[in-house]
Amino acid sequence: MSRIDRRPPRPGVVWEFDNVVFERDFSRSVVTKLLVERAEHGGWELDRVRIGPDGRRRVVLRRKIIRAVRTA
């Protein structure tokens, strides 16, 4: 259902990407609820949505990877 990529858009910021595909059988409200749950519990945010001619929704989610800096 999903595939996770990592690609840096600019130096210093690293994003993790997750591709999710929803079939046309899912209503808009159901897709919204599923995406809200991923955002609240996984820290994901919406990057892009494409609706294909077959009715599938291809959603790309992203979240920032925070690197811990050693201070000691």
Protein backbone atom coordinates (compact mmCIF):
# COMPACT_ATOMS: atom_id res chain seq x y z
CA MET A 1 0.00 0.00 0.00
CA SER A 2 2.83 2.41 0.70
CA ARG A 3 6.49 2.99 -0.05
CA ILE A 4 8.88 5.11 1.99
CA ASP A 5 11.55 7.26 0.31
CA ARG A 6 14.11 9.68 1.64
CA ARG A 7 15.25 12.64 -0.40
CA PRO A 8 16.82 15.91 0.75
CA PRO A 9 15.17 18.99 -0.83
CA ARG A 10 17.91 21.34 0.40
CA PRO A 11 20.97 21.11 2.65
CA GLY A 12 20.25 20.80 6.35
CA VAL A 13 16.67 19.54 5.97
CA VAL A 14 15.89 15.87 5.44
CA TRP A 15 12.35 14.71 4.74
CA GLU A 16 10.98 11.18 4.81
CA PHE A 17 8.30 10.49 2.20
CA ASP A 18 5.52 7.91 2.18
CA ASN A 19 3.45 7.11 -0.91
CA VAL A 20 -0.09 5.90 -0.23
CA VAL A 21 -2.67 4.83 -2.82
CA PHE A 22 -6.40 4.81 -2.08
CA GLU A 23 -8.72 2.96 -4.43
CA ARG A 24 -11.74 4.72 -5.88
CA ASP A 25 -14.02 2.76 -3.53
CA PHE A 26 -13.01 4.99 -0.59
CA SER A 27 -15.11 8.12 -0.16
CA ARG A 28 -13.52 11.51 0.31
CA SER A 29 -14.50 11.62 3.99
CA VAL A 30 -12.97 8.19 4.67
CA VAL A 31 -9.70 9.19 2.99
CA THR A 32 -9.66 12.40 5.02
CA LYS A 33 -10.14 10.49 8.28
CA LEU A 34 -7.35 8.04 7.42
CA LEU A 35 -4.95 10.84 6.53
CA VAL A 36 -5.81 12.81 9.68
CA GLU A 37 -5.09 9.75 11.79
CA ARG A 38 -1.67 9.31 10.12
CA ALA A 39 -0.92 12.99 10.68
CA GLU A 40 -1.88 12.96 14.35
CA HIS A 41 -0.20 9.70 15.32
CA GLY A 42 2.72 9.50 12.90
CA GLY A 43 3.71 13.12 12.46
CA TRP A 44 3.05 13.07 8.69
CA GLU A 45 1.92 16.08 6.66
CA LEU A 46 0.41 16.22 3.20
CA ASP A 47 2.86 16.87 0.38
CA ARG A 48 0.78 16.17 -2.73
CA VAL A 49 -2.40 14.43 -3.94
CA ARG A 50 -3.05 13.19 -7.45
CA ILE A 51 -6.33 11.71 -8.60
CA GLY A 52 -5.83 9.46 -11.60
CA PRO A 53 -8.25 8.88 -14.48
CA ASP A 54 -9.17 5.56 -12.87
CA GLY A 55 -10.25 7.37 -9.68
CA ARG A 56 -7.33 6.29 -7.52
CA ARG A 57 -5.91 8.87 -5.12
CA ARG A 58 -2.13 8.86 -5.01
CA VAL A 59 -1.07 10.67 -1.87
CA VAL A 60 2.47 11.65 -0.89
CA LEU A 61 3.01 12.32 2.81
CA ARG A 62 6.16 13.74 4.36
CA ARG A 63 7.72 14.25 7.77
CA LYS A 64 10.91 15.95 8.82
CA ILE A 65 13.74 13.79 10.11
CA ILE A 66 15.22 15.47 13.15
CA ARG A 67 18.90 14.73 13.70
CA ALA A 68 20.09 14.82 17.29
CA VAL A 69 23.17 16.98 17.78
CA ARG A 70 25.57 15.87 20.46
CA THR A 71 26.30 18.68 22.93
CA ALA A 72 28.69 16.96 25.34
